[in-house]
Amino acid sequence: MSAVKAFSWWQCTLFGVCWGLLLVPAYFAAFGAWLIGSMLPEFHAPVDIVLTLIMGVSLFVLMLIAVYTGWHFLKRSRSFSRLLGLVLAGVLLVPLVSATGALVSYTQLSESWQAGQQG
């Protein structure tokens, strides 16, 4: 591992703002997992279980990205572009993938669940 000498002030500011933006998708993933998970004891359709798992996994991935990038930024053991790319992937890509997965699984599983209840 090659250590980076030092980050300039604008790199520290940009990384801090983007790293703080990780809280936004993490909040929505935690709230979604809590909201859907709180309904599981009374109503445990497969769609609810899958949505809870999707939100939980996305929250876990966001936490991994936050810890990994924060640690390597403080230790200066990775380049700035790599760390910023990972943080931006956490801010933009993880919510996009989890929302797409949630929408697809909701539409697929809710239709099959309702068809199973009627038949």
PDB file of N, CA and C in Angstrom:
ATOM      1  N   MET A   1       0.834  -1.179   0.000  1.00  0.00           N
ATOM      2  CA  MET A   1       0.000   0.000   0.000  1.00  0.00           C
ATOM      3  C   MET A   1       0.877   1.239   0.000  1.00  0.00           C
ATOM      4  N   SER A   2       0.600   2.086  -0.922  1.00  0.00           N
ATOM      5  CA  SER A   2       1.338   3.345  -0.936  1.00  0.00           C
ATOM      6  C   SER A   2       0.493   4.424  -0.291  1.00  0.00           C
ATOM      7  N   ALA A   3       1.091   5.137   0.607  1.00  0.00           N
ATOM      8  CA  ALA A   3       0.368   6.180   1.335  1.00  0.00           C
ATOM      9  C   ALA A   3       0.368   7.469   0.518  1.00  0.00           C
ATOM     10  N   VAL A   4      -0.725   8.176   0.554  1.00  0.00           N
ATOM     11  CA  VAL A   4      -0.841   9.471  -0.098  1.00  0.00           C
ATOM     12  C   VAL A   4      -0.255  10.502   0.852  1.00  0.00           C
ATOM     13  N   LYS A   5       0.499  11.441   0.309  1.00  0.00           N
ATOM     14  CA  LYS A   5       1.163  12.443   1.163  1.00  0.00           C
ATOM     15  C   LYS A   5       0.160  13.228   1.999  1.00  0.00           C
ATOM     16  N   ALA A   6      -0.675  13.989   1.352  1.00  0.00           N
ATOM     17  CA  ALA A   6      -1.668  14.794   2.069  1.00  0.00           C
ATOM     18  C   ALA A   6      -2.753  15.202   1.080  1.00  0.00           C
ATOM     19  N   PHE A   7      -3.920  15.421   1.600  1.00  0.00           N
ATOM     20  CA  PHE A   7      -5.008  15.924   0.780  1.00  0.00           C
ATOM     21  C   PHE A   7      -5.086  17.427   0.953  1.00  0.00           C
ATOM     22  N   SER A   8      -5.430  18.133  -0.127  1.00  0.00           N
ATOM     23  CA  SER A   8      -5.561  19.586  -0.031  1.00  0.00           C
ATOM     24  C   SER A   8      -6.890  19.936   0.646  1.00  0.00           C
ATOM     25  N   TRP A   9      -7.072  21.204   0.953  1.00  0.00           N
ATOM     26  CA  TRP A   9      -8.260  21.635   1.690  1.00  0.00           C
ATOM     27  C   TRP A   9      -9.539  21.389   0.901  1.00  0.00           C
ATOM     28  N   TRP A  10      -9.486  21.587  -0.433  1.00  0.00           N
ATOM     29  CA  TRP A  10     -10.691  21.388  -1.230  1.00  0.00           C
ATOM     30  C   TRP A  10     -11.044  19.898  -1.333  1.00  0.00           C
ATOM     31  N   GLN A  11     -10.037  19.045  -1.326  1.00  0.00           N
ATOM     32  CA  GLN A  11     -10.310  17.612  -1.337  1.00  0.00           C
ATOM     33  C   GLN A  11     -10.944  17.170  -0.024  1.00  0.00           C
ATOM     34  N   CYS A  12     -10.442  17.706   1.076  1.00  0.00           N
ATOM     35  CA  CYS A  12     -11.036  17.389   2.379  1.00  0.00           C
ATOM     36  C   CYS A  12     -12.473  17.878   2.476  1.00  0.00           C
ATOM     37  N   THR A  13     -12.724  19.078   1.975  1.00  0.00           N
ATOM     38  CA  THR A  13     -14.077  19.634   2.014  1.00  0.00           C
ATOM     39  C   THR A  13     -15.024  18.842   1.122  1.00  0.00           C
ATOM     40  N   LEU A  14     -14.588  18.550  -0.101  1.00  0.00           N
ATOM     41  CA  LEU A  14     -15.429  17.802  -1.038  1.00  0.00           C
ATOM     42  C   LEU A  14     -15.720  16.399  -0.519  1.00  0.00           C
ATOM     43  N   PHE A  15     -14.700  15.748   0.016  1.00  0.00           N
ATOM     44  CA  PHE A  15     -14.904  14.409   0.549  1.00  0.00           C
ATOM     45  C   PHE A  15     -15.831  14.445   1.765  1.00  0.00           C
ATOM     46  N   GLY A  16     -15.667  15.426   2.631  1.00  0.00           N
ATOM     47  CA  GLY A  16     -16.516  15.536   3.815  1.00  0.00           C
ATOM     48  C   GLY A  16     -17.978  15.765   3.464  1.00  0.00           C
ATOM     49  N   VAL A  17     -18.229  16.610   2.482  1.00  0.00           N
ATOM     50  CA  VAL A  17     -19.614  16.880   2.063  1.00  0.00           C
ATOM     51  C   VAL A  17     -20.220  15.631   1.428  1.00  0.00           C
ATOM     52  N   CYS A  18     -19.483  15.000   0.516  1.00  0.00           N
ATOM     53  CA  CYS A  18     -20.003  13.800  -0.141  1.00  0.00           C
ATOM     54  C   CYS A  18     -20.157  12.650   0.848  1.00  0.00           C
ATOM     55  N   TRP A  19     -19.245  12.528   1.775  1.00  0.00           N
ATOM     56  CA  TRP A  19     -19.334  11.464   2.782  1.00  0.00           C
ATOM     57  C   TRP A  19     -20.539  11.716   3.696  1.00  0.00           C
ATOM     58  N   GLY A  20     -20.804  12.963   4.004  1.00  0.00           N
ATOM     59  CA  GLY A  20     -21.989  13.299   4.796  1.00  0.00           C
ATOM     60  C   GLY A  20     -23.283  13.031   4.048  1.00  0.00           C
ATOM     61  N   LEU A  21     -23.239  13.124   2.722  1.00  0.00           N
ATOM     62  CA  LEU A  21     -24.419  12.827   1.917  1.00  0.00           C
ATOM     63  C   LEU A  21     -24.788  11.348   1.970  1.00  0.00           C
ATOM     64  N   LEU A  22     -23.883  10.495   2.417  1.00  0.00           N
ATOM     65  CA  LEU A  22     -24.209   9.079   2.592  1.00  0.00           C
ATOM     66  C   LEU A  22     -25.295   8.882   3.646  1.00  0.00           C
ATOM     67  N   LEU A  23     -25.470   9.864   4.513  1.00  0.00           N
ATOM     68  CA  LEU A  23     -26.504   9.761   5.546  1.00  0.00           C
ATOM     69  C   LEU A  23     -27.915   9.789   4.952  1.00  0.00           C
ATOM     70  N   VAL A  24     -28.088  10.460   3.827  1.00  0.00           N
ATOM     71  CA  VAL A  24     -29.424  10.581   3.239  1.00  0.00           C
ATOM     72  C   VAL A  24     -29.951   9.225   2.766  1.00  0.00           C
ATOM     73  N   PRO A  25     -29.234   8.499   1.872  1.00  0.00           N
ATOM     74  CA  PRO A  25     -29.772   7.187   1.486  1.00  0.00           C
ATOM     75  C   PRO A  25     -29.766   6.189   2.640  1.00  0.00           C
ATOM     76  N   ALA A  26     -28.827   6.331   3.563  1.00  0.00           N
ATOM     77  CA  ALA A  26     -28.801   5.429   4.717  1.00  0.00           C
ATOM     78  C   ALA A  26     -30.032   5.653   5.597  1.00  0.00           C
ATOM     79  N   TYR A  27     -30.450   6.894   5.753  1.00  0.00           N
ATOM     80  CA  TYR A  27     -31.652   7.183   6.537  1.00  0.00           C
ATOM     81  C   TYR A  27     -32.875   6.559   5.891  1.00  0.00           C
ATOM     82  N   PHE A  28     -33.024   6.731   4.580  1.00  0.00           N
ATOM     83  CA  PHE A  28     -34.187   6.173   3.895  1.00  0.00           C
ATOM     84  C   PHE A  28     -34.170   4.648   3.904  1.00  0.00           C
ATOM     85  N   ALA A  29     -32.996   4.040   3.775  1.00  0.00           N
ATOM     86  CA  ALA A  29     -32.919   2.578   3.835  1.00  0.00           C
ATOM     87  C   ALA A  29     -33.259   2.080   5.236  1.00  0.00           C
ATOM     88  N   ALA A  30     -32.768   2.765   6.262  1.00  0.00           N
ATOM     89  CA  ALA A  30     -33.079   2.353   7.636  1.00  0.00           C
ATOM     90  C   ALA A  30     -34.558   2.554   7.948  1.00  0.00           C
ATOM     91  N   PHE A  31     -35.116   3.670   7.504  1.00  0.00           N
ATOM     92  CA  PHE A  31     -36.532   3.924   7.743  1.00  0.00           C
ATOM     93  C   PHE A  31     -37.404   2.915   7.007  1.00  0.00           C
ATOM     94  N   GLY A  32     -37.043   2.606   5.757  1.00  0.00           N
ATOM     95  CA  GLY A  32     -37.808   1.625   4.991  1.00  0.00           C
ATOM     96  C   GLY A  32     -37.731   0.242   5.608  1.00  0.00           C
ATOM     97  N   ALA A  33     -36.545  -0.156   6.044  1.00  0.00           N
ATOM     98  CA  ALA A  33     -36.397  -1.472   6.683  1.00  0.00           C
ATOM     99  C   ALA A  33     -37.173  -1.522   7.988  1.00  0.00           C
ATOM    100  N   TRP A  34     -37.155  -0.446   8.756  1.00  0.00           N
ATOM    101  CA  TRP A  34     -37.897  -0.412  10.015  1.00  0.00           C
ATOM    102  C   TRP A  34     -39.405  -0.427   9.768  1.00  0.00           C
ATOM    103  N   LEU A  35     -39.856   0.370   8.812  1.00  0.00           N
ATOM    104  CA  LEU A  35     -41.285   0.480   8.547  1.00  0.00           C
ATOM    105  C   LEU A  35     -41.866  -0.840   8.043  1.00  0.00           C
ATOM    106  N   ILE A  36     -41.222  -1.423   7.067  1.00  0.00           N
ATOM    107  CA  ILE A  36     -41.725  -2.684   6.523  1.00  0.00           C
ATOM    108  C   ILE A  36     -41.491  -3.818   7.512  1.00  0.00           C
ATOM    109  N   GLY A  37     -40.352  -3.797   8.181  1.00  0.00           N
ATOM    110  CA  GLY A  37     -40.057  -4.843   9.164  1.00  0.00           C
ATOM    111  C   GLY A  37     -40.977  -4.815  10.361  1.00  0.00           C
ATOM    112  N   SER A  38     -41.495  -3.651  10.714  1.00  0.00           N
ATOM    113  CA  SER A  38     -42.413  -3.573  11.846  1.00  0.00           C
ATOM    114  C   SER A  38     -43.771  -4.189  11.527  1.00  0.00           C
ATOM    115  N   MET A  39     -44.078  -4.351  10.253  1.00  0.00           N
ATOM    116  CA  MET A  39     -45.338  -4.976   9.865  1.00  0.00           C
ATOM    117  C   MET A  39     -45.223  -6.498   9.739  1.00  0.00           C
ATOM    118  N   LEU A  40     -44.022  -7.034   9.797  1.00  0.00           N
ATOM    119  CA  LEU A  40     -43.846  -8.464   9.583  1.00  0.00           C
ATOM    120  C   LEU A  40     -44.522  -9.361  10.619  1.00  0.00           C
ATOM    121  N   PRO A  41     -44.606  -9.008  11.904  1.00  0.00           N
ATOM    122  CA  PRO A  41     -45.256  -9.931  12.839  1.00  0.00           C
ATOM    123  C   PRO A  41     -46.729 -10.204  12.525  1.00  0.00           C
ATOM    124  N   GLU A  42     -47.468  -9.208  12.029  1.00  0.00           N
ATOM    125  CA  GLU A  42     -48.880  -9.423  11.735  1.00  0.00           C
ATOM    126  C   GLU A  42     -49.116  -9.898  10.309  1.00  0.00           C
ATOM    127  N   PHE A  43     -48.358  -9.389   9.380  1.00  0.00           N
ATOM    128  CA  PHE A  43     -48.609  -9.668   7.972  1.00  0.00           C
ATOM    129  C   PHE A  43     -47.270  -9.967   7.314  1.00  0.00           C
ATOM    130  N   HIS A  44     -47.020 -11.211   7.022  1.00  0.00           N
ATOM    131  CA  HIS A  44     -45.710 -11.596   6.509  1.00  0.00           C
ATOM    132  C   HIS A  44     -45.805 -12.181   5.104  1.00  0.00           C
ATOM    133  N   ALA A  45     -46.189 -11.338   4.172  1.00  0.00           N
ATOM    134  CA  ALA A  45     -46.208 -11.719   2.768  1.00  0.00           C
ATOM    135  C   ALA A  45     -44.761 -11.789   2.262  1.00  0.00           C
ATOM    136  N   PRO A  46     -44.503 -12.586   1.252  1.00  0.00           N
ATOM    137  CA  PRO A  46     -43.142 -12.662   0.704  1.00  0.00           C
ATOM    138  C   PRO A  46     -42.611 -11.315   0.236  1.00  0.00           C
ATOM    139  N   VAL A  47     -43.495 -10.465  -0.261  1.00  0.00           N
ATOM    140  CA  VAL A  47     -43.037  -9.160  -0.730  1.00  0.00           C
ATOM    141  C   VAL A  47     -42.504  -8.317   0.429  1.00  0.00           C
ATOM    142  N   ASP A  48     -43.113  -8.412   1.591  1.00  0.00           N
ATOM    143  CA  ASP A  48     -42.634  -7.653   2.748  1.00  0.00           C
ATOM    144  C   ASP A  48     -41.276  -8.146   3.213  1.00  0.00           C
ATOM    145  N   ILE A  49     -41.090  -9.433   3.203  1.00  0.00           N
ATOM    146  CA  ILE A  49     -39.806 -10.001   3.616  1.00  0.00           C
ATOM    147  C   ILE A  49     -38.711  -9.598   2.641  1.00  0.00           C
ATOM    148  N   VAL A  50     -38.996  -9.671   1.346  1.00  0.00           N
ATOM    149  CA  VAL A  50     -37.995  -9.302   0.332  1.00  0.00           C
ATOM    150  C   VAL A  50     -37.667  -7.813   0.411  1.00  0.00           C
ATOM    151  N   LEU A  51     -38.671  -6.968   0.597  1.00  0.00           N
ATOM    152  CA  LEU A  51     -38.410  -5.528   0.703  1.00  0.00           C
ATOM    153  C   LEU A  51     -37.593  -5.196   1.944  1.00  0.00           C
ATOM    154  N   THR A  52     -37.866  -5.878   3.041  1.00  0.00           N
ATOM    155  CA  THR A  52     -37.069  -5.668   4.252  1.00  0.00           C
ATOM    156  C   THR A  52     -35.623  -6.093   4.020  1.00  0.00           C
ATOM    157  N   LEU A  53     -35.434  -7.217   3.347  1.00  0.00           N
ATOM    158  CA  LEU A  53     -34.075  -7.668   3.048  1.00  0.00           C
ATOM    159  C   LEU A  53     -33.345  -6.707   2.111  1.00  0.00           C
ATOM    160  N   ILE A  54     -34.035  -6.194   1.108  1.00  0.00           N
ATOM    161  CA  ILE A  54     -33.404  -5.245   0.174  1.00  0.00           C
ATOM    162  C   ILE A  54     -32.971  -3.984   0.914  1.00  0.00           C
ATOM    163  N   MET A  55     -33.830  -3.450   1.749  1.00  0.00           N
ATOM    164  CA  MET A  55     -33.482  -2.245   2.501  1.00  0.00           C
ATOM    165  C   MET A  55     -32.357  -2.509   3.501  1.00  0.00           C
ATOM    166  N   GLY A  56     -32.397  -3.658   4.145  1.00  0.00           N
ATOM    167  CA  GLY A  56     -31.340  -4.003   5.090  1.00  0.00           C
ATOM    168  C   GLY A  56     -29.991  -4.188   4.416  1.00  0.00           C
ATOM    169  N   VAL A  57     -29.977  -4.846   3.275  1.00  0.00           N
ATOM    170  CA  VAL A  57     -28.723  -5.050   2.544  1.00  0.00           C
ATOM    171  C   VAL A  57     -28.189  -3.722   2.025  1.00  0.00           C
ATOM    172  N   SER A  58     -29.057  -2.866   1.518  1.00  0.00           N
ATOM    173  CA  SER A  58     -28.573  -1.568   1.044  1.00  0.00           C
ATOM    174  C   SER A  58     -28.024  -0.722   2.192  1.00  0.00           C
ATOM    175  N   LEU A  59     -28.643  -0.797   3.354  1.00  0.00           N
ATOM    176  CA  LEU A  59     -28.108  -0.089   4.518  1.00  0.00           C
ATOM    177  C   LEU A  59     -26.748  -0.647   4.915  1.00  0.00           C
ATOM    178  N   PHE A  60     -26.605  -1.962   4.881  1.00  0.00           N
ATOM    179  CA  PHE A  60     -25.330  -2.590   5.215  1.00  0.00           C
ATOM    180  C   PHE A  60     -24.239  -2.194   4.219  1.00  0.00           C
ATOM    181  N   VAL A  61     -24.571  -2.148   2.935  1.00  0.00           N
ATOM    182  CA  VAL A  61     -23.596  -1.746   1.916  1.00  0.00           C
ATOM    183  C   VAL A  61     -23.191  -0.293   2.111  1.00  0.00           C
ATOM    184  N   LEU A  62     -24.146   0.564   2.425  1.00  0.00           N
ATOM    185  CA  LEU A  62     -23.819   1.975   2.671  1.00  0.00           C
ATOM    186  C   LEU A  62     -22.917   2.129   3.892  1.00  0.00           C
ATOM    187  N   MET A  63     -23.166   1.333   4.924  1.00  0.00           N
ATOM    188  CA  MET A  63     -22.307   1.395   6.107  1.00  0.00           C
ATOM    189  C   MET A  63     -20.901   0.899   5.787  1.00  0.00           C
ATOM    190  N   LEU A  64     -20.794  -0.151   4.983  1.00  0.00           N
ATOM    191  CA  LEU A  64     -19.474  -0.641   4.583  1.00  0.00           C
ATOM    192  C   LEU A  64     -18.712   0.408   3.783  1.00  0.00           C
ATOM    193  N   ILE A  65     -19.400   1.070   2.869  1.00  0.00           N
ATOM    194  CA  ILE A  65     -18.754   2.122   2.076  1.00  0.00           C
ATOM    195  C   ILE A  65     -18.301   3.264   2.971  1.00  0.00           C
ATOM    196  N   ALA A  66     -19.141   3.665   3.916  1.00  0.00           N
ATOM    197  CA  ALA A  66     -18.789   4.770   4.806  1.00  0.00           C
ATOM    198  C   ALA A  66     -17.575   4.424   5.661  1.00  0.00           C
ATOM    199  N   VAL A  67     -17.543   3.234   6.223  1.00  0.00           N
ATOM    200  CA  VAL A  67     -16.422   2.846   7.080  1.00  0.00           C
ATOM    201  C   VAL A  67     -15.144   2.693   6.258  1.00  0.00           C
ATOM    202  N   TYR A  68     -15.244   2.033   5.107  1.00  0.00           N
ATOM    203  CA  TYR A  68     -14.066   1.799   4.269  1.00  0.00           C
ATOM    204  C   TYR A  68     -13.461   3.111   3.786  1.00  0.00           C
ATOM    205  N   THR A  69     -14.302   4.002   3.242  1.00  0.00           N
ATOM    206  CA  THR A  69     -13.765   5.248   2.709  1.00  0.00           C
ATOM    207  C   THR A  69     -13.289   6.180   3.824  1.00  0.00           C
ATOM    208  N   GLY A  70     -14.011   6.217   4.930  1.00  0.00           N
ATOM    209  CA  GLY A  70     -13.580   7.062   6.048  1.00  0.00           C
ATOM    210  C   GLY A  70     -12.246   6.613   6.618  1.00  0.00           C
ATOM    211  N   TRP A  71     -12.079   5.314   6.772  1.00  0.00           N
ATOM    212  CA  TRP A  71     -10.825   4.774   7.305  1.00  0.00           C
ATOM    213  C   TRP A  71      -9.661   5.080   6.378  1.00  0.00           C
ATOM    214  N   HIS A  72      -9.825   4.818   5.098  1.00  0.00           N
ATOM    215  CA  HIS A  72      -8.721   5.034   4.158  1.00  0.00           C
ATOM    216  C   HIS A  72      -8.468   6.515   3.895  1.00  0.00           C
ATOM    217  N   PHE A  73      -9.472   7.351   4.072  1.00  0.00           N
ATOM    218  CA  PHE A  73      -9.239   8.789   3.945  1.00  0.00           C
ATOM    219  C   PHE A  73      -8.411   9.296   5.119  1.00  0.00           C
ATOM    220  N   LEU A  74      -8.764   8.849   6.313  1.00  0.00           N
ATOM    221  CA  LEU A  74      -8.009   9.294   7.490  1.00  0.00           C
ATOM    222  C   LEU A  74      -6.579   8.749   7.493  1.00  0.00           C
ATOM    223  N   LYS A  75      -6.400   7.531   7.042  1.00  0.00           N
ATOM    224  CA  LYS A  75      -5.061   6.925   7.001  1.00  0.00           C
ATOM    225  C   LYS A  75      -4.288   7.308   5.751  1.00  0.00           C
ATOM    226  N   ARG A  76      -4.960   7.944   4.804  1.00  0.00           N
ATOM    227  CA  ARG A  76      -4.358   8.354   3.529  1.00  0.00           C
ATOM    228  C   ARG A  76      -3.730   7.161   2.800  1.00  0.00           C
ATOM    229  N   SER A  77      -4.449   6.056   2.774  1.00  0.00           N
ATOM    230  CA  SER A  77      -3.902   4.855   2.151  1.00  0.00           C
ATOM    231  C   SER A  77      -4.486   4.574   0.773  1.00  0.00           C
ATOM    232  N   ARG A  78      -5.422   5.374   0.312  1.00  0.00           N
ATOM    233  CA  ARG A  78      -5.996   5.247  -1.025  1.00  0.00           C
ATOM    234  C   ARG A  78      -6.016   6.615  -1.689  1.00  0.00           C
ATOM    235  N   SER A  79      -6.098   6.597  -3.006  1.00  0.00           N
ATOM    236  CA  SER A  79      -6.115   7.866  -3.730  1.00  0.00           C
ATOM    237  C   SER A  79      -7.466   8.560  -3.555  1.00  0.00           C
ATOM    238  N   PHE A  80      -7.442   9.856  -3.739  1.00  0.00           N
ATOM    239  CA  PHE A  80      -8.647  10.651  -3.555  1.00  0.00           C
ATOM    240  C   PHE A  80      -9.715  10.277  -4.567  1.00  0.00           C
ATOM    241  N   SER A  81      -9.327  10.061  -5.810  1.00  0.00           N
ATOM    242  CA  SER A  81     -10.317   9.749  -6.848  1.00  0.00           C
ATOM    243  C   SER A  81     -11.010   8.419  -6.576  1.00  0.00           C
ATOM    244  N   ARG A  82     -10.275   7.443  -6.073  1.00  0.00           N
ATOM    245  CA  ARG A  82     -10.885   6.153  -5.762  1.00  0.00           C
ATOM    246  C   ARG A  82     -11.881   6.285  -4.595  1.00  0.00           C
ATOM    247  N   LEU A  83     -11.485   7.010  -3.563  1.00  0.00           N
ATOM    248  CA  LEU A  83     -12.371   7.184  -2.410  1.00  0.00           C
ATOM    249  C   LEU A  83     -13.615   7.979  -2.774  1.00  0.00           C
ATOM    250  N   LEU A  84     -13.430   9.042  -3.548  1.00  0.00           N
ATOM    251  CA  LEU A  84     -14.577   9.848  -3.953  1.00  0.00           C
ATOM    252  C   LEU A  84     -15.500   9.056  -4.879  1.00  0.00           C
ATOM    253  N   GLY A  85     -14.932   8.232  -5.727  1.00  0.00           N
ATOM    254  CA  GLY A  85     -15.750   7.387  -6.594  1.00  0.00           C
ATOM    255  C   GLY A  85     -16.592   6.406  -5.801  1.00  0.00           C
ATOM    256  N   LEU A  86     -16.011   5.818  -4.765  1.00  0.00           N
ATOM    257  CA  LEU A  86     -16.766   4.895  -3.919  1.00  0.00           C
ATOM    258  C   LEU A  86     -17.876   5.612  -3.154  1.00  0.00           C
ATOM    259  N   VAL A  87     -17.577   6.791  -2.659  1.00  0.00           N
ATOM    260  CA  VAL A  87     -18.600   7.552  -1.931  1.00  0.00           C
ATOM    261  C   VAL A  87     -19.737   7.956  -2.872  1.00  0.00           C
ATOM    262  N   LEU A  88     -19.401   8.400  -4.064  1.00  0.00           N
ATOM    263  CA  LEU A  88     -20.445   8.778  -5.019  1.00  0.00           C
ATOM    264  C   LEU A  88     -21.245   7.563  -5.473  1.00  0.00           C
ATOM    265  N   ALA A  89     -20.611   6.406  -5.563  1.00  0.00           N
ATOM    266  CA  ALA A  89     -21.354   5.181  -5.872  1.00  0.00           C
ATOM    267  C   ALA A  89     -22.329   4.874  -4.743  1.00  0.00           C
ATOM    268  N   GLY A  90     -21.912   5.119  -3.513  1.00  0.00           N
ATOM    269  CA  GLY A  90     -22.808   4.913  -2.382  1.00  0.00           C
ATOM    270  C   GLY A  90     -23.956   5.902  -2.351  1.00  0.00           C
ATOM    271  N   VAL A  91     -23.704   7.111  -2.780  1.00  0.00           N
ATOM    272  CA  VAL A  91     -24.742   8.142  -2.762  1.00  0.00           C
ATOM    273  C   VAL A  91     -25.712   7.970  -3.934  1.00  0.00           C
ATOM    274  N   LEU A  92     -25.206   7.575  -5.094  1.00  0.00           N
ATOM    275  CA  LEU A  92     -26.042   7.528  -6.289  1.00  0.00           C
ATOM    276  C   LEU A  92     -26.420   6.114  -6.722  1.00  0.00           C
ATOM    277  N   LEU A  93     -25.459   5.213  -6.764  1.00  0.00           N
ATOM    278  CA  LEU A  93     -25.685   3.899  -7.357  1.00  0.00           C
ATOM    279  C   LEU A  93     -26.425   2.941  -6.428  1.00  0.00           C
ATOM    280  N   VAL A  94     -26.060   2.913  -5.163  1.00  0.00           N
ATOM    281  CA  VAL A  94     -26.719   1.995  -4.218  1.00  0.00           C
ATOM    282  C   VAL A  94     -28.208   2.310  -4.078  1.00  0.00           C
ATOM    283  N   PRO A  95     -28.628   3.580  -3.913  1.00  0.00           N
ATOM    284  CA  PRO A  95     -30.068   3.846  -3.854  1.00  0.00           C
ATOM    285  C   PRO A  95     -30.798   3.513  -5.161  1.00  0.00           C
ATOM    286  N   LEU A  96     -30.138   3.741  -6.287  1.00  0.00           N
ATOM    287  CA  LEU A  96     -30.754   3.423  -7.568  1.00  0.00           C
ATOM    288  C   LEU A  96     -30.973   1.924  -7.723  1.00  0.00           C
ATOM    289  N   VAL A  97     -29.969   1.133  -7.384  1.00  0.00           N
ATOM    290  CA  VAL A  97     -30.090  -0.322  -7.492  1.00  0.00           C
ATOM    291  C   VAL A  97     -31.113  -0.860  -6.496  1.00  0.00           C
ATOM    292  N   SER A  98     -31.090  -0.370  -5.269  1.00  0.00           N
ATOM    293  CA  SER A  98     -32.037  -0.876  -4.278  1.00  0.00           C
ATOM    294  C   SER A  98     -33.473  -0.449  -4.600  1.00  0.00           C
ATOM    295  N   ALA A  99     -33.661   0.757  -5.097  1.00  0.00           N
ATOM    296  CA  ALA A  99     -35.011   1.190  -5.471  1.00  0.00           C
ATOM    297  C   ALA A  99     -35.530   0.400  -6.668  1.00  0.00           C
ATOM    298  N   THR A 100     -34.664   0.141  -7.638  1.00  0.00           N
ATOM    299  CA  THR A 100     -35.071  -0.664  -8.783  1.00  0.00           C
ATOM    300  C   THR A 100     -35.411  -2.086  -8.354  1.00  0.00           C
ATOM    301  N   GLY A 101     -34.571  -2.667  -7.516  1.00  0.00           N
ATOM    302  CA  GLY A 101     -34.856  -4.008  -7.013  1.00  0.00           C
ATOM    303  C   GLY A 101     -36.131  -4.058  -6.197  1.00  0.00           C
ATOM    304  N   ALA A 102     -36.366  -3.037  -5.406  1.00  0.00           N
ATOM    305  CA  ALA A 102     -37.588  -3.000  -4.596  1.00  0.00           C
ATOM    306  C   ALA A 102     -38.827  -2.862  -5.472  1.00  0.00           C
ATOM    307  N   LEU A 103     -38.774  -2.009  -6.492  1.00  0.00           N
ATOM    308  CA  LEU A 103     -39.922  -1.845  -7.371  1.00  0.00           C
ATOM    309  C   LEU A 103     -40.215  -3.106  -8.170  1.00  0.00           C
ATOM    310  N   VAL A 104     -39.162  -3.729  -8.694  1.00  0.00           N
ATOM    311  CA  VAL A 104     -39.353  -4.952  -9.475  1.00  0.00           C
ATOM    312  C   VAL A 104     -39.898  -6.071  -8.593  1.00  0.00           C
ATOM    313  N   SER A 105     -39.314  -6.250  -7.431  1.00  0.00           N
ATOM    314  CA  SER A 105     -39.790  -7.322  -6.553  1.00  0.00           C
ATOM    315  C   SER A 105     -41.192  -7.020  -6.029  1.00  0.00           C
ATOM    316  N   TYR A 106     -41.501  -5.772  -5.781  1.00  0.00           N
ATOM    317  CA  TYR A 106     -42.846  -5.427  -5.314  1.00  0.00           C
ATOM    318  C   TYR A 106     -43.887  -5.753  -6.378  1.00  0.00           C
ATOM    319  N   THR A 107     -43.620  -5.362  -7.608  1.00  0.00           N
ATOM    320  CA  THR A 107     -44.607  -5.624  -8.656  1.00  0.00           C
ATOM    321  C   THR A 107     -44.720  -7.118  -8.951  1.00  0.00           C
ATOM    322  N   GLN A 108     -43.612  -7.824  -8.996  1.00  0.00           N
ATOM    323  CA  GLN A 108     -43.653  -9.255  -9.301  1.00  0.00           C
ATOM    324  C   GLN A 108     -44.286 -10.057  -8.170  1.00  0.00           C
ATOM    325  N   LEU A 109     -43.831  -9.816  -6.950  1.00  0.00           N
ATOM    326  CA  LEU A 109     -44.309 -10.628  -5.830  1.00  0.00           C
ATOM    327  C   LEU A 109     -45.721 -10.263  -5.380  1.00  0.00           C
ATOM    328  N   SER A 110     -46.102  -9.007  -5.489  1.00  0.00           N
ATOM    329  CA  SER A 110     -47.458  -8.647  -5.061  1.00  0.00           C
ATOM    330  C   SER A 110     -48.496  -9.216  -6.026  1.00  0.00           C
ATOM    331  N   GLU A 111     -48.170  -9.271  -7.316  1.00  0.00           N
ATOM    332  CA  GLU A 111     -49.092  -9.875  -8.277  1.00  0.00           C
ATOM    333  C   GLU A 111     -49.235 -11.372  -8.022  1.00  0.00           C
ATOM    334  N   SER A 112     -48.125 -12.049  -7.781  1.00  0.00           N
ATOM    335  CA  SER A 112     -48.198 -13.497  -7.542  1.00  0.00           C
ATOM    336  C   SER A 112     -48.860 -13.791  -6.193  1.00  0.00           C
ATOM    337  N   TRP A 113     -48.643 -12.916  -5.197  1.00  0.00           N
ATOM    338  CA  TRP A 113     -49.270 -13.118  -3.897  1.00  0.00           C
ATOM    339  C   TRP A 113     -50.790 -12.942  -3.994  1.00  0.00           C
ATOM    340  N   GLN A 114     -51.233 -11.919  -4.710  1.00  0.00           N
ATOM    341  CA  GLN A 114     -52.667 -11.687  -4.863  1.00  0.00           C
ATOM    342  C   GLN A 114     -53.314 -12.790  -5.700  1.00  0.00           C
ATOM    343  N   ALA A 115     -52.627 -13.281  -6.718  1.00  0.00           N
ATOM    344  CA  ALA A 115     -53.161 -14.375  -7.518  1.00  0.00           C
ATOM    345  C   ALA A 115     -53.267 -15.648  -6.684  1.00  0.00           C
ATOM    346  N   GLY A 116     -52.321 -15.875  -5.785  1.00  0.00           N
ATOM    347  CA  GLY A 116     -52.366 -17.040  -4.904  1.00  0.00           C
ATOM    348  C   GLY A 116     -53.472 -16.933  -3.881  1.00  0.00           C
ATOM    349  N   GLN A 117     -53.779 -15.723  -3.421  1.00  0.00           N
ATOM    350  CA  GLN A 117     -54.846 -15.525  -2.448  1.00  0.00           C
ATOM    351  C   GLN A 117     -56.228 -15.695  -3.075  1.00  0.00           C
ATOM    352  N   GLN A 118     -56.358 -15.295  -4.340  1.00  0.00           N
ATOM    353  CA  GLN A 118     -57.651 -15.400  -5.016  1.00  0.00           C
ATOM    354  C   GLN A 118     -57.930 -16.826  -5.505  1.00  0.00           C
ATOM    355  N   GLY A 119     -56.868 -17.544  -5.879  1.00  0.00           N
ATOM    356  CA  GLY A 119     -57.044 -18.881  -6.465  1.00  0.00           C
ATOM    357  C   GLY A 119     -57.091 -19.902  -5.433  1.00  0.00           C
TER     358      GLY A 119
END
